[in-house]
Amino acid sequence: MRLRSWKLGAGQPMEVIDQFTDADFTHVVDDRADVHISSRDGRFYLGYFPNGRSGGPDEDWVTGEGWVIAVTGTANVPGFRMSFGTETPAEIIAAVVAKILATSWSL
């Protein structure tokens, strides 16, 4: 058996956030210091919740969410949504975001 070392810990969120240009995306930091990024066309969304996403009494499941990525679908193809915990390494989120951005194009 070979032992492995695994990347752990939240890391630096700017590795993710710095991938978004002001020309193509809007950035909002709310009063909880949560970051919301959306594409100018409104079809892409990234939410960063450093202390977990807030939820009401019926939404306790969202409190561990640190990252949410969603792309709205079209009339013919459904979109997708994925979420990651607050301790998911930012490098992993950055790689996912880089792949999503690489597969998009301007119309």
Protein backbone atom coordinates (compact mmCIF):
# COMPACT_ATOMS: atom_id res chain seq x y z
CA MET A 1 0.00 0.00 0.00
CA ARG A 2 1.30 3.45 -0.92
CA LEU A 3 0.46 6.36 1.30
CA ARG A 4 -0.55 9.61 -0.34
CA SER A 5 -0.72 13.19 0.74
CA TRP A 6 -3.92 15.00 -0.27
CA LYS A 7 -4.53 18.70 -0.75
CA LEU A 8 -6.67 19.84 2.17
CA GLY A 9 -7.90 23.18 3.47
CA ALA A 10 -9.78 26.02 1.83
CA GLY A 11 -6.75 27.73 0.26
CA GLN A 12 -6.89 31.15 -1.38
CA PRO A 13 -10.24 32.07 -2.99
CA MET A 14 -8.55 34.65 -5.23
CA GLU A 15 -7.23 31.74 -7.32
CA VAL A 16 -10.85 31.32 -8.39
CA ILE A 17 -12.08 34.91 -8.35
CA ASP A 18 -9.15 36.31 -10.37
CA GLN A 19 -10.24 34.25 -13.40
CA PHE A 20 -13.22 36.56 -14.02
CA THR A 21 -12.71 39.75 -16.03
CA ASP A 22 -14.76 42.89 -15.46
CA ALA A 23 -15.49 42.98 -19.19
CA ASP A 24 -17.40 39.68 -19.12
CA PHE A 25 -18.57 39.29 -15.51
CA THR A 26 -20.10 41.31 -12.68
CA HIS A 27 -18.77 41.00 -9.14
CA VAL A 28 -20.77 41.76 -6.00
CA VAL A 29 -19.59 41.42 -2.41
CA ASP A 30 -22.54 41.48 -0.02
CA ASP A 31 -22.79 42.52 3.62
CA ARG A 32 -21.70 39.04 4.80
CA ALA A 33 -18.54 39.21 2.63
CA ASP A 34 -20.02 36.57 0.31
CA VAL A 35 -18.92 36.99 -3.30
CA HIS A 36 -21.35 36.69 -6.21
CA ILE A 37 -20.08 36.60 -9.79
CA SER A 38 -22.30 36.36 -12.83
CA SER A 39 -21.75 36.54 -16.54
CA ARG A 40 -23.05 39.64 -18.27
CA ASP A 41 -25.66 37.49 -20.06
CA GLY A 42 -26.82 36.11 -16.69
CA ARG A 43 -26.32 32.43 -17.57
CA PHE A 44 -23.26 31.74 -15.40
CA TYR A 45 -23.18 32.19 -11.63
CA LEU A 46 -20.49 31.59 -9.04
CA GLY A 47 -21.12 32.15 -5.35
CA TYR A 48 -18.38 32.07 -2.72
CA PHE A 49 -19.56 31.77 0.87
CA PRO A 50 -16.48 31.72 3.14
CA ASN A 51 -18.54 31.00 6.28
CA GLY A 52 -21.06 28.72 4.57
CA ARG A 53 -24.19 29.74 2.74
CA SER A 54 -26.84 31.08 5.04
CA GLY A 55 -30.06 29.15 5.24
CA GLY A 56 -33.32 29.40 7.06
CA PRO A 57 -34.68 26.84 9.54
CA ASP A 58 -35.82 24.59 6.69
CA GLU A 59 -32.55 24.97 4.77
CA ASP A 60 -29.91 23.70 7.16
CA TRP A 61 -28.34 21.67 4.35
CA VAL A 62 -26.89 24.81 2.72
CA THR A 63 -24.86 25.96 5.72
CA GLY A 64 -21.83 23.87 4.66
CA GLU A 65 -21.80 25.15 1.08
CA GLY A 66 -18.75 27.26 0.39
CA TRP A 67 -18.98 27.46 -3.39
CA VAL A 68 -21.87 27.25 -5.87
CA ILE A 69 -21.41 27.16 -9.63
CA ALA A 70 -24.40 27.18 -11.96
CA VAL A 71 -24.93 27.53 -15.68
CA THR A 72 -28.45 28.13 -16.97
CA GLY A 73 -29.55 25.85 -19.76
CA THR A 74 -31.38 26.63 -22.98
CA ALA A 75 -34.78 25.66 -24.30
CA ASN A 76 -33.24 22.44 -25.65
CA VAL A 77 -30.47 21.58 -23.19
CA PRO A 78 -30.72 21.66 -19.38
CA GLY A 79 -28.18 23.61 -17.37
CA PHE A 80 -26.27 22.40 -14.36
CA ARG A 81 -25.44 23.32 -10.78
CA MET A 82 -22.68 22.09 -8.51
CA SER A 83 -21.66 22.98 -5.00
CA PHE A 84 -18.60 22.43 -2.86
CA GLY A 85 -18.03 22.66 0.89
CA THR A 86 -16.28 25.49 2.68
CA GLU A 87 -13.11 23.40 3.07
CA THR A 88 -12.83 22.37 -0.58
CA PRO A 89 -9.41 23.59 -1.76
CA ALA A 90 -9.67 26.73 -3.90
CA GLU A 91 -7.23 25.15 -6.38
CA ILE A 92 -9.82 22.48 -7.16
CA ILE A 93 -12.58 25.07 -7.64
CA ALA A 94 -10.19 27.11 -9.82
CA ALA A 95 -9.59 24.09 -12.06
CA VAL A 96 -13.33 23.47 -12.45
CA VAL A 97 -13.96 27.15 -13.25
CA ALA A 98 -11.07 27.22 -15.74
CA LYS A 99 -12.56 24.24 -17.58
CA ILE A 100 -16.03 25.80 -17.66
CA LEU A 101 -14.66 29.09 -18.96
CA ALA A 102 -12.54 27.28 -21.58
CA THR A 103 -15.65 25.58 -22.97
CA SER A 104 -17.63 28.82 -23.31
CA TRP A 105 -17.53 31.25 -26.22
CA SER A 106 -18.95 34.62 -27.22
CA LEU A 107 -21.98 34.68 -29.48
